[in-house]
Amino acid sequence: MAGAAGVAAVDRALAILDAFTDQDQKLSLAELAKRTGLYKSTAIRLAKSLEKARYLYRSEDGAYRLGSKVLSLGAMYQKHFGTAEV
């Protein structure tokens, strides 16, 4: 998954974030693993790290959704570059 100059763990964590689409409000661990091709054990470890950093939020039913940090990054991008470049 990682390129020659990449870091595999970072690539896998970003793959989890990329697993979400416009139609997804939340995804189960099984669905995250399926969409990323990761083992569930790897997906849950990465999801916990992303949750700790607020990139993911885990709801009471155990499903994951994008967290508040993603919104903050989007707002910063819009502020600095505008929406025309998105």
C-alpha atoms as a PDB file:
ATOM      1  CA  MET A   1       0.000   0.000   0.000  1.00  0.00           C
ATOM      2  CA  ALA A   2       2.837   2.436   0.789  1.00  0.00           C
ATOM      3  CA  GLY A   3       4.921   3.985  -1.932  1.00  0.00           C
ATOM      4  CA  ALA A   4       8.707   3.826  -1.942  1.00  0.00           C
ATOM      5  CA  ALA A   5       8.990   7.038   0.059  1.00  0.00           C
ATOM      6  CA  GLY A   6       5.790   6.620   2.083  1.00  0.00           C
ATOM      7  CA  VAL A   7       5.018   5.407   5.578  1.00  0.00           C
ATOM      8  CA  ALA A   8       2.754   2.362   5.496  1.00  0.00           C
ATOM      9  CA  ALA A   9       0.957   3.140   8.769  1.00  0.00           C
ATOM     10  CA  VAL A  10       0.105   6.645   7.590  1.00  0.00           C
ATOM     11  CA  ASP A  11      -1.109   5.288   4.259  1.00  0.00           C
ATOM     12  CA  ARG A  12      -3.363   2.800   6.060  1.00  0.00           C
ATOM     13  CA  ALA A  13      -4.765   5.468   8.405  1.00  0.00           C
ATOM     14  CA  LEU A  14      -5.527   7.731   5.450  1.00  0.00           C
ATOM     15  CA  ALA A  15      -7.192   4.796   3.684  1.00  0.00           C
ATOM     16  CA  ILE A  16      -9.600   4.569   6.626  1.00  0.00           C
ATOM     17  CA  LEU A  17     -10.519   8.238   6.239  1.00  0.00           C
ATOM     18  CA  ASP A  18     -10.830   7.777   2.471  1.00  0.00           C
ATOM     19  CA  ALA A  19     -13.246   4.878   3.012  1.00  0.00           C
ATOM     20  CA  PHE A  20     -16.024   7.369   3.767  1.00  0.00           C
ATOM     21  CA  THR A  21     -18.099   8.706   0.877  1.00  0.00           C
ATOM     22  CA  ASP A  22     -20.686  11.464   0.572  1.00  0.00           C
ATOM     23  CA  GLN A  23     -23.408   8.879   1.199  1.00  0.00           C
ATOM     24  CA  ASP A  24     -21.892   7.504   4.437  1.00  0.00           C
ATOM     25  CA  GLN A  25     -22.872   8.903   7.793  1.00  0.00           C
ATOM     26  CA  LYS A  26     -21.167   6.076   9.640  1.00  0.00           C
ATOM     27  CA  LEU A  27     -19.373   2.820   8.929  1.00  0.00           C
ATOM     28  CA  SER A  28     -18.927  -0.332  10.970  1.00  0.00           C
ATOM     29  CA  LEU A  29     -15.495  -1.747  11.668  1.00  0.00           C
ATOM     30  CA  ALA A  30     -16.280  -4.603   9.277  1.00  0.00           C
ATOM     31  CA  GLU A  31     -17.156  -2.143   6.504  1.00  0.00           C
ATOM     32  CA  LEU A  32     -13.993  -0.094   7.130  1.00  0.00           C
ATOM     33  CA  ALA A  33     -11.907  -3.266   6.912  1.00  0.00           C
ATOM     34  CA  LYS A  34     -13.695  -4.356   3.733  1.00  0.00           C
ATOM     35  CA  ARG A  35     -13.307  -0.995   1.982  1.00  0.00           C
ATOM     36  CA  THR A  36      -9.638  -0.612   2.909  1.00  0.00           C
ATOM     37  CA  GLY A  37      -8.544  -4.220   2.546  1.00  0.00           C
ATOM     38  CA  LEU A  38      -7.159  -4.142   6.085  1.00  0.00           C
ATOM     39  CA  TYR A  39      -7.523  -6.858   8.684  1.00  0.00           C
ATOM     40  CA  LYS A  40     -10.061  -5.915  11.362  1.00  0.00           C
ATOM     41  CA  SER A  41      -7.308  -5.992  14.010  1.00  0.00           C
ATOM     42  CA  THR A  42      -5.311  -3.418  12.044  1.00  0.00           C
ATOM     43  CA  ALA A  43      -8.364  -1.310  11.255  1.00  0.00           C
ATOM     44  CA  ILE A  44      -9.411  -1.096  14.899  1.00  0.00           C
ATOM     45  CA  ARG A  45      -5.946  -0.060  16.081  1.00  0.00           C
ATOM     46  CA  LEU A  46      -5.776   2.661  13.460  1.00  0.00           C
ATOM     47  CA  ALA A  47      -9.371   3.728  14.150  1.00  0.00           C
ATOM     48  CA  LYS A  48      -8.573   4.092  17.859  1.00  0.00           C
ATOM     49  CA  SER A  49      -5.630   6.350  17.038  1.00  0.00           C
ATOM     50  CA  LEU A  50      -7.751   8.400  14.645  1.00  0.00           C
ATOM     51  CA  GLU A  51     -10.485   8.626  17.280  1.00  0.00           C
ATOM     52  CA  LYS A  52      -7.997   9.824  19.905  1.00  0.00           C
ATOM     53  CA  ALA A  53      -6.893  12.580  17.514  1.00  0.00           C
ATOM     54  CA  ARG A  54     -10.563  13.431  16.727  1.00  0.00           C
ATOM     55  CA  TYR A  55     -10.364  12.401  13.070  1.00  0.00           C
ATOM     56  CA  LEU A  56     -12.959   9.708  13.796  1.00  0.00           C
ATOM     57  CA  TYR A  57     -15.830   9.526  16.254  1.00  0.00           C
ATOM     58  CA  ARG A  58     -17.155   6.190  17.515  1.00  0.00           C
ATOM     59  CA  SER A  59     -20.879   6.221  18.227  1.00  0.00           C
ATOM     60  CA  GLU A  60     -22.641   4.211  20.924  1.00  0.00           C
ATOM     61  CA  ASP A  61     -23.528   1.465  18.445  1.00  0.00           C
ATOM     62  CA  GLY A  62     -19.812   1.001  17.673  1.00  0.00           C
ATOM     63  CA  ALA A  63     -19.914   2.520  14.194  1.00  0.00           C
ATOM     64  CA  TYR A  64     -17.430   5.170  13.127  1.00  0.00           C
ATOM     65  CA  ARG A  65     -18.032   8.531  11.523  1.00  0.00           C
ATOM     66  CA  LEU A  66     -15.724  11.347  10.552  1.00  0.00           C
ATOM     67  CA  GLY A  67     -14.707  13.433  13.544  1.00  0.00           C
ATOM     68  CA  SER A  68     -14.511  17.121  14.298  1.00  0.00           C
ATOM     69  CA  LYS A  69     -10.874  17.432  13.250  1.00  0.00           C
ATOM     70  CA  VAL A  70     -11.857  16.658   9.651  1.00  0.00           C
ATOM     71  CA  LEU A  71     -14.303  19.571   9.732  1.00  0.00           C
ATOM     72  CA  SER A  72     -11.613  21.841  11.180  1.00  0.00           C
ATOM     73  CA  LEU A  73      -9.217  20.936   8.382  1.00  0.00           C
ATOM     74  CA  GLY A  74     -11.904  21.542   5.768  1.00  0.00           C
ATOM     75  CA  ALA A  75     -12.684  24.946   7.249  1.00  0.00           C
ATOM     76  CA  MET A  76      -8.991  25.887   7.258  1.00  0.00           C
ATOM     77  CA  TYR A  77      -8.654  24.820   3.642  1.00  0.00           C
ATOM     78  CA  GLN A  78     -11.667  26.906   2.607  1.00  0.00           C
ATOM     79  CA  LYS A  79     -10.358  29.913   4.513  1.00  0.00           C
ATOM     80  CA  HIS A  80      -6.957  29.801   2.841  1.00  0.00           C
ATOM     81  CA  PHE A  81      -7.803  28.536  -0.636  1.00  0.00           C
ATOM     82  CA  GLY A  82     -11.517  29.121  -1.143  1.00  0.00           C
ATOM     83  CA  THR A  83     -14.094  26.634  -2.305  1.00  0.00           C
ATOM     84  CA  ALA A  84     -13.377  27.055  -6.016  1.00  0.00           C
ATOM     85  CA  GLU A  85     -10.278  24.859  -5.727  1.00  0.00           C
ATOM     86  CA  VAL A  86     -11.913  21.985  -3.819  1.00  0.00           C
END
